[in-house]
Every structure is written in structure tokens, then in C-alpha cells.
PDB file of N, CA and C in Angstrom:
ATOM      1  N   MET A   1       0.813  -1.082  -0.146  1.00  0.00           N
ATOM      2  CA  MET A   1       0.096   0.053  -0.013  1.00  0.00           C
ATOM      3  C   MET A   1       0.734   1.283   0.176  1.00  0.00           C
ATOM      4  N   THR A   2       0.787   2.097  -1.214  1.00  0.00           N
ATOM      5  CA  THR A   2       1.729   3.020  -1.216  1.00  0.00           C
ATOM      6  C   THR A   2       1.010   4.389  -1.041  1.00  0.00           C
ATOM      7  N   LYS A   3      -0.419   4.461  -1.008  1.00  0.00           N
ATOM      8  CA  LYS A   3      -1.218   5.606  -0.748  1.00  0.00           C
ATOM      9  C   LYS A   3      -1.307   6.374  -2.128  1.00  0.00           C
ATOM     10  N   GLN A   4      -0.949   5.780  -3.021  1.00  0.00           N
ATOM     11  CA  GLN A   4      -0.952   6.250  -4.451  1.00  0.00           C
ATOM     12  C   GLN A   4      -1.494   5.485  -5.529  1.00  0.00           C
ATOM     13  N   LYS A   5      -2.178   5.979  -6.448  1.00  0.00           N
ATOM     14  CA  LYS A   5      -2.645   4.937  -7.786  1.00  0.00           C
ATOM     15  C   LYS A   5      -1.681   4.270  -8.123  1.00  0.00           C
ATOM     16  N   GLU A   6      -2.065   2.824  -8.518  1.00  0.00           N
ATOM     17  CA  GLU A   6      -1.102   2.048  -8.800  1.00  0.00           C
ATOM     18  C   GLU A   6      -1.773   1.145  -9.986  1.00  0.00           C
ATOM     19  N   ILE A   7      -1.118   0.888 -11.141  1.00  0.00           N
ATOM     20  CA  ILE A   7      -1.600   0.200 -12.348  1.00  0.00           C
ATOM     21  C   ILE A   7      -2.268  -1.067 -11.894  1.00  0.00           C
ATOM     22  N   PHE A   8      -3.251  -1.551 -12.414  1.00  0.00           N
ATOM     23  CA  PHE A   8      -3.501  -3.162 -11.722  1.00  0.00           C
ATOM     24  C   PHE A   8      -3.001  -4.123 -13.079  1.00  0.00           C
ATOM     25  N   ILE A   9      -1.985  -4.877 -12.811  1.00  0.00           N
ATOM     26  CA  ILE A   9      -1.535  -5.743 -13.304  1.00  0.00           C
ATOM     27  C   ILE A   9      -1.832  -7.216 -12.856  1.00  0.00           C
ATOM     28  N   PRO A  10      -2.682  -8.105 -13.316  1.00  0.00           N
ATOM     29  CA  PRO A  10      -2.949  -9.548 -12.766  1.00  0.00           C
ATOM     30  C   PRO A  10      -1.669 -10.275 -12.888  1.00  0.00           C
ATOM     31  N   LYS A  11      -1.530 -11.291 -12.251  1.00  0.00           N
ATOM     32  CA  LYS A  11      -0.349 -12.331 -12.126  1.00  0.00           C
ATOM     33  C   LYS A  11      -0.783 -13.021 -13.554  1.00  0.00           C
ATOM     34  N   GLU A  12      -1.812 -13.360 -13.997  1.00  0.00           N
ATOM     35  CA  GLU A  12      -1.804 -14.075 -15.317  1.00  0.00           C
ATOM     36  C   GLU A  12      -2.360 -13.265 -15.982  1.00  0.00           C
ATOM     37  N   PRO A  13      -1.914 -12.785 -17.416  1.00  0.00           N
ATOM     38  CA  PRO A  13      -2.774 -11.706 -18.395  1.00  0.00           C
ATOM     39  C   PRO A  13      -4.011 -12.341 -18.530  1.00  0.00           C
ATOM     40  N   ALA A  14      -5.059 -11.465 -18.391  1.00  0.00           N
ATOM     41  CA  ALA A  14      -6.480 -11.339 -18.894  1.00  0.00           C
ATOM     42  C   ALA A  14      -7.111 -12.253 -17.784  1.00  0.00           C
ATOM     43  N   LYS A  15      -6.745 -12.753 -16.824  1.00  0.00           N
ATOM     44  CA  LYS A  15      -7.384 -13.505 -15.602  1.00  0.00           C
ATOM     45  C   LYS A  15      -7.243 -12.977 -14.624  1.00  0.00           C
ATOM     46  N   VAL A  16      -8.252 -12.821 -13.876  1.00  0.00           N
ATOM     47  CA  VAL A  16      -8.326 -12.152 -12.488  1.00  0.00           C
ATOM     48  C   VAL A  16      -9.059 -13.252 -11.739  1.00  0.00           C
ATOM     49  N   GLY A  17      -8.568 -13.394 -10.366  1.00  0.00           N
ATOM     50  CA  GLY A  17      -9.333 -14.417  -9.149  1.00  0.00           C
ATOM     51  C   GLY A  17      -9.871 -13.376  -8.354  1.00  0.00           C
ATOM     52  N   ILE A  18     -11.090 -13.686  -7.609  1.00  0.00           N
ATOM     53  CA  ILE A  18     -11.880 -12.876  -6.832  1.00  0.00           C
ATOM     54  C   ILE A  18     -12.153 -14.250  -5.602  1.00  0.00           C
ATOM     55  N   CYS A  19     -11.732 -13.571  -4.263  1.00  0.00           N
ATOM     56  CA  CYS A  19     -12.226 -14.779  -3.222  1.00  0.00           C
ATOM     57  C   CYS A  19     -12.719 -13.698  -2.425  1.00  0.00           C
ATOM     58  N   ALA A  20     -14.051 -14.023  -2.186  1.00  0.00           N
ATOM     59  CA  ALA A  20     -15.029 -13.599  -1.432  1.00  0.00           C
ATOM     60  C   ALA A  20     -15.831 -14.150  -0.325  1.00  0.00           C
ATOM     61  N   GLY A  21     -15.143 -14.178   0.975  1.00  0.00           N
ATOM     62  CA  GLY A  21     -15.660 -15.354   1.914  1.00  0.00           C
ATOM     63  C   GLY A  21     -17.109 -15.235   2.096  1.00  0.00           C
ATOM     64  N   GLY A  22     -17.506 -16.298   2.712  1.00  0.00           N
ATOM     65  CA  GLY A  22     -18.961 -16.256   2.795  1.00  0.00           C
ATOM     66  C   GLY A  22     -19.566 -15.613   4.059  1.00  0.00           C
ATOM     67  N   ASP A  23     -20.676 -15.562   4.431  1.00  0.00           N
ATOM     68  CA  ASP A  23     -21.308 -14.455   5.539  1.00  0.00           C
ATOM     69  C   ASP A  23     -21.465 -15.617   6.929  1.00  0.00           C
ATOM     70  N   PRO A  24     -21.185 -15.177   8.037  1.00  0.00           N
ATOM     71  CA  PRO A  24     -21.402 -16.007   9.088  1.00  0.00           C
ATOM     72  C   PRO A  24     -22.647 -15.634   9.513  1.00  0.00           C
ATOM     73  N   ALA A  25     -23.686 -16.679   9.241  1.00  0.00           N
ATOM     74  CA  ALA A  25     -25.178 -16.445   9.639  1.00  0.00           C
ATOM     75  C   ALA A  25     -25.629 -16.604  11.250  1.00  0.00           C
ATOM     76  N   TYR A  26     -25.136 -15.851  11.735  1.00  0.00           N
ATOM     77  CA  TYR A  26     -25.117 -15.959  13.255  1.00  0.00           C
ATOM     78  C   TYR A  26     -26.639 -15.431  13.853  1.00  0.00           C
ATOM     79  N   ASP A  27     -27.312 -14.586  12.830  1.00  0.00           N
ATOM     80  CA  ASP A  27     -28.500 -13.939  13.137  1.00  0.00           C
ATOM     81  C   ASP A  27     -29.353 -13.527  11.879  1.00  0.00           C
ATOM     82  N   LEU A  28     -30.335 -12.908  11.776  1.00  0.00           N
ATOM     83  CA  LEU A  28     -30.786 -12.214  10.462  1.00  0.00           C
ATOM     84  C   LEU A  28     -29.994 -11.562   9.669  1.00  0.00           C
ATOM     85  N   SER A  29     -30.356 -11.603   8.183  1.00  0.00           N
ATOM     86  CA  SER A  29     -29.523 -10.581   7.462  1.00  0.00           C
ATOM     87  C   SER A  29     -29.860  -9.423   7.757  1.00  0.00           C
ATOM     88  N   HIS A  30     -28.901  -8.671   7.103  1.00  0.00           N
ATOM     89  CA  HIS A  30     -29.035  -7.028   7.307  1.00  0.00           C
ATOM     90  C   HIS A  30     -28.251  -6.219   6.269  1.00  0.00           C
ATOM     91  N   ILE A  31     -28.652  -5.174   5.979  1.00  0.00           N
ATOM     92  CA  ILE A  31     -28.175  -4.199   5.107  1.00  0.00           C
ATOM     93  C   ILE A  31     -26.650  -4.395   4.853  1.00  0.00           C
ATOM     94  N   GLY A  32     -25.802  -4.575   5.941  1.00  0.00           N
ATOM     95  CA  GLY A  32     -24.397  -4.479   5.694  1.00  0.00           C
ATOM     96  C   GLY A  32     -23.909  -5.752   5.160  1.00  0.00           C
ATOM     97  N   GLN A  33     -24.344  -6.987   5.271  1.00  0.00           N
ATOM     98  CA  GLN A  33     -24.150  -7.941   4.477  1.00  0.00           C
ATOM     99  C   GLN A  33     -24.416  -8.005   3.235  1.00  0.00           C
ATOM    100  N   ALA A  34     -25.512  -7.439   2.682  1.00  0.00           N
ATOM    101  CA  ALA A  34     -25.822  -7.203   1.339  1.00  0.00           C
ATOM    102  C   ALA A  34     -25.111  -6.281   0.770  1.00  0.00           C
ATOM    103  N   ARG A  35     -24.552  -5.154   1.338  1.00  0.00           N
ATOM    104  CA  ARG A  35     -23.241  -4.528   0.985  1.00  0.00           C
ATOM    105  C   ARG A  35     -22.195  -5.149   0.407  1.00  0.00           C
ATOM    106  N   ALA A  36     -21.838  -6.202   1.155  1.00  0.00           N
ATOM    107  CA  ALA A  36     -20.544  -6.784   0.550  1.00  0.00           C
ATOM    108  C   ALA A  36     -20.855  -7.896  -0.559  1.00  0.00           C
ATOM    109  N   TYR A  37     -22.068  -8.382  -0.690  1.00  0.00           N
ATOM    110  CA  TYR A  37     -22.544  -8.971  -1.855  1.00  0.00           C
ATOM    111  C   TYR A  37     -22.413  -8.178  -2.894  1.00  0.00           C
ATOM    112  N   VAL A  38     -23.056  -7.242  -2.955  1.00  0.00           N
ATOM    113  CA  VAL A  38     -23.062  -5.959  -4.051  1.00  0.00           C
ATOM    114  C   VAL A  38     -21.710  -5.409  -4.452  1.00  0.00           C
ATOM    115  N   ALA A  39     -20.937  -5.244  -3.296  1.00  0.00           N
ATOM    116  CA  ALA A  39     -19.715  -4.876  -3.732  1.00  0.00           C
ATOM    117  C   ALA A  39     -18.779  -5.759  -4.664  1.00  0.00           C
ATOM    118  N   VAL A  40     -19.012  -7.098  -4.322  1.00  0.00           N
ATOM    119  CA  VAL A  40     -18.126  -8.060  -5.155  1.00  0.00           C
ATOM    120  C   VAL A  40     -18.702  -8.069  -6.532  1.00  0.00           C
ATOM    121  N   ASP A  41     -19.810  -8.122  -6.546  1.00  0.00           N
ATOM    122  CA  ASP A  41     -20.506  -8.325  -7.644  1.00  0.00           C
ATOM    123  C   ASP A  41     -20.470  -7.226  -8.752  1.00  0.00           C
ATOM    124  N   VAL A  42     -20.399  -6.055  -8.173  1.00  0.00           N
ATOM    125  CA  VAL A  42     -19.968  -4.627  -8.942  1.00  0.00           C
ATOM    126  C   VAL A  42     -18.485  -5.242  -9.602  1.00  0.00           C
ATOM    127  N   LEU A  43     -17.611  -5.359  -8.795  1.00  0.00           N
ATOM    128  CA  LEU A  43     -16.133  -5.499  -8.914  1.00  0.00           C
ATOM    129  C   LEU A  43     -16.400  -6.799  -9.991  1.00  0.00           C
ATOM    130  N   TYR A  44     -17.058  -7.854  -9.882  1.00  0.00           N
ATOM    131  CA  TYR A  44     -16.875  -8.986 -10.853  1.00  0.00           C
ATOM    132  C   TYR A  44     -17.190  -8.254 -12.041  1.00  0.00           C
ATOM    133  N   ARG A  45     -18.488  -7.712 -12.239  1.00  0.00           N
ATOM    134  CA  ARG A  45     -18.812  -7.346 -13.558  1.00  0.00           C
ATOM    135  C   ARG A  45     -18.092  -6.118 -14.113  1.00  0.00           C
ATOM    136  N   TYR A  46     -17.476  -5.422 -13.594  1.00  0.00           N
ATOM    137  CA  TYR A  46     -16.714  -4.551 -14.170  1.00  0.00           C
ATOM    138  C   TYR A  46     -15.572  -5.142 -14.573  1.00  0.00           C
ATOM    139  N   LEU A  47     -14.898  -6.030 -13.854  1.00  0.00           N
ATOM    140  CA  LEU A  47     -13.610  -6.689 -14.684  1.00  0.00           C
ATOM    141  C   LEU A  47     -13.818  -7.280 -15.916  1.00  0.00           C
ATOM    142  N   LYS A  48     -15.185  -7.844 -16.054  1.00  0.00           N
ATOM    143  CA  LYS A  48     -15.731  -8.374 -16.973  1.00  0.00           C
ATOM    144  C   LYS A  48     -15.839  -7.761 -18.091  1.00  0.00           C
ATOM    145  N   HIS A  49     -16.465  -6.479 -17.724  1.00  0.00           N
ATOM    146  CA  HIS A  49     -16.450  -5.578 -18.659  1.00  0.00           C
ATOM    147  C   HIS A  49     -15.220  -5.012 -19.483  1.00  0.00           C
ATOM    148  N   LEU A  50     -14.256  -5.206 -18.584  1.00  0.00           N
ATOM    149  CA  LEU A  50     -12.990  -4.913 -19.211  1.00  0.00           C
ATOM    150  C   LEU A  50     -12.054  -5.585 -20.099  1.00  0.00           C
ATOM    151  N   GLY A  51     -12.735  -7.226 -20.040  1.00  0.00           N
ATOM    152  CA  GLY A  51     -12.189  -8.050 -21.063  1.00  0.00           C
ATOM    153  C   GLY A  51     -11.571  -9.312 -20.107  1.00  0.00           C
ATOM    154  N   TYR A  52     -11.526  -9.409 -18.652  1.00  0.00           N
ATOM    155  CA  TYR A  52     -10.800 -10.123 -17.853  1.00  0.00           C
ATOM    156  C   TYR A  52     -11.687 -11.360 -17.768  1.00  0.00           C
ATOM    157  N   GLU A  53     -10.857 -12.333 -17.575  1.00  0.00           N
ATOM    158  CA  GLU A  53     -11.691 -13.762 -17.332  1.00  0.00           C
ATOM    159  C   GLU A  53     -11.746 -13.820 -15.821  1.00  0.00           C
ATOM    160  N   VAL A  54     -12.728 -13.740 -15.239  1.00  0.00           N
ATOM    161  CA  VAL A  54     -13.147 -13.668 -13.887  1.00  0.00           C
ATOM    162  C   VAL A  54     -13.283 -14.958 -13.429  1.00  0.00           C
ATOM    163  N   THR A  55     -12.469 -15.404 -12.264  1.00  0.00           N
ATOM    164  CA  THR A  55     -13.007 -16.672 -11.711  1.00  0.00           C
ATOM    165  C   THR A  55     -13.196 -16.519 -10.012  1.00  0.00           C
TER     166      THR A  55
END
């Protein structure tokens, strides 16, 4: 973390992996849990739009 913008360079050209852990279901779902799922989905869709193979 350099506190500066850096160019994104994947380890394998045109391939990106996303690891999104599951939600610990201790109680009823709430909006904070939904936010995490939406954030990962938006990132996934954006990377696909840029032409990356996302796994």
C-alpha cells in the first residue's frame, strides 16, 4: 500500500481471481451483509466489462 494510484497488473494476463468469503449467519441478514455481496458483484461485472476472465 503506497497511498498512490497504481496500475492493476494481474498475475496471469487477462485472468483475475476474486475470493469473497461467505457470511457467518449468526442472526438475521441485514443491509451491511448485502453491501458486501453487491460490492463483489460490481467488481466482478466491471472486470468482465474490461475483458478479464474472472474466476
